[in-house]
Amino acid sequence: MSAGAREVEVFENSRARLEAIAYRPLGSASDAEDAVQDTFVRWHAADHEFVETPDAWLTKALTNICLNQLTSAHA
């Protein structure tokens, strides 16, 4: 399995959990899916050599995206 395929597999294994996490603060399934897709883009661009725990990295990135969406909605 190539490195790119492994990265996609890691992300896909976490997708349902990430969508559930994003839905809680955002309150919309479509907003949650958008946040998860943004997380995938960041995951794809990340330097995976320095990522020790992919699930933690993905959760933190998703949390930051959700917080950014919420703060920009208030402004």
Protein backbone atom coordinates (compact mmCIF):
# COMPACT_ATOMS: atom_id res chain seq x y z
CA MET A 1 0.00 0.00 0.00
CA SER A 2 1.42 3.37 -0.98
CA ALA A 3 1.83 6.21 1.48
CA GLY A 4 -1.00 8.20 -0.17
CA ALA A 5 -3.38 5.25 -0.01
CA ARG A 6 -2.55 4.72 3.66
CA GLU A 7 -3.27 8.38 4.43
CA VAL A 8 -6.64 8.18 2.69
CA GLU A 9 -7.45 4.95 4.54
CA VAL A 10 -6.59 6.54 7.91
CA PHE A 11 -8.85 9.48 7.10
CA GLU A 12 -11.74 7.34 5.84
CA ASN A 13 -11.57 5.21 8.99
CA SER A 14 -12.05 8.41 11.02
CA ARG A 15 -14.66 10.09 8.80
CA ALA A 16 -17.80 9.01 10.70
CA ARG A 17 -16.28 10.02 14.05
CA LEU A 18 -15.17 13.37 12.64
CA GLU A 19 -18.62 14.08 11.20
CA ALA A 20 -20.19 13.32 14.58
CA ILE A 21 -17.73 15.63 16.33
CA ALA A 22 -18.32 18.47 13.85
CA TYR A 23 -22.10 18.13 13.98
CA ARG A 24 -22.24 18.90 17.69
CA PRO A 25 -20.99 22.50 17.59
CA LEU A 26 -22.11 23.34 14.06
CA GLY A 27 -25.62 21.88 14.35
CA SER A 28 -25.97 21.07 10.66
CA ALA A 29 -25.06 17.92 8.77
CA SER A 30 -24.01 19.87 5.68
CA ASP A 31 -21.79 22.22 7.71
CA ALA A 32 -20.27 19.19 9.45
CA GLU A 33 -19.54 17.51 6.10
CA ASP A 34 -17.92 20.72 4.83
CA ALA A 35 -15.72 20.89 7.92
CA VAL A 36 -14.69 17.26 7.48
CA GLN A 37 -13.82 17.89 3.83
CA ASP A 38 -11.70 20.90 4.86
CA THR A 39 -9.99 18.62 7.37
CA PHE A 40 -9.22 16.15 4.57
CA VAL A 41 -7.62 18.93 2.51
CA ARG A 42 -5.40 19.87 5.46
CA TRP A 43 -4.62 16.18 6.11
CA HIS A 44 -3.62 15.70 2.49
CA ALA A 45 -1.25 18.69 2.67
CA ALA A 46 0.25 17.76 6.05
CA ASP A 47 3.74 16.38 6.54
CA HIS A 48 2.80 12.93 7.86
CA GLU A 49 6.35 12.15 8.89
CA PHE A 50 5.81 14.31 11.99
CA VAL A 51 2.28 13.11 12.83
CA GLU A 52 2.55 10.56 15.63
CA THR A 53 -1.17 10.07 16.28
CA PRO A 54 -3.29 10.62 13.17
CA ASP A 55 -6.63 10.47 15.03
CA ALA A 56 -5.52 13.20 17.41
CA TRP A 57 -4.18 15.32 14.54
CA LEU A 58 -7.43 14.98 12.60
CA THR A 59 -9.55 15.78 15.65
CA LYS A 60 -7.50 18.88 16.47
CA ALA A 61 -7.59 20.13 12.88
CA LEU A 62 -11.36 19.57 12.71
CA THR A 63 -11.87 21.35 16.03
CA ASN A 64 -9.92 24.37 14.77
CA ILE A 65 -11.98 24.46 11.56
CA CYS A 66 -15.24 24.30 13.54
CA LEU A 67 -14.11 27.07 15.89
CA ASN A 68 -13.12 29.22 12.92
CA GLN A 69 -16.55 28.71 11.33
CA LEU A 70 -18.31 29.58 14.56
CA THR A 71 -16.28 32.72 15.24
CA SER A 72 -16.66 33.96 11.65
CA ALA A 73 -20.43 33.40 11.93
CA HIS A 74 -20.53 35.72 14.96
CA ALA A 75 -18.62 38.47 13.15
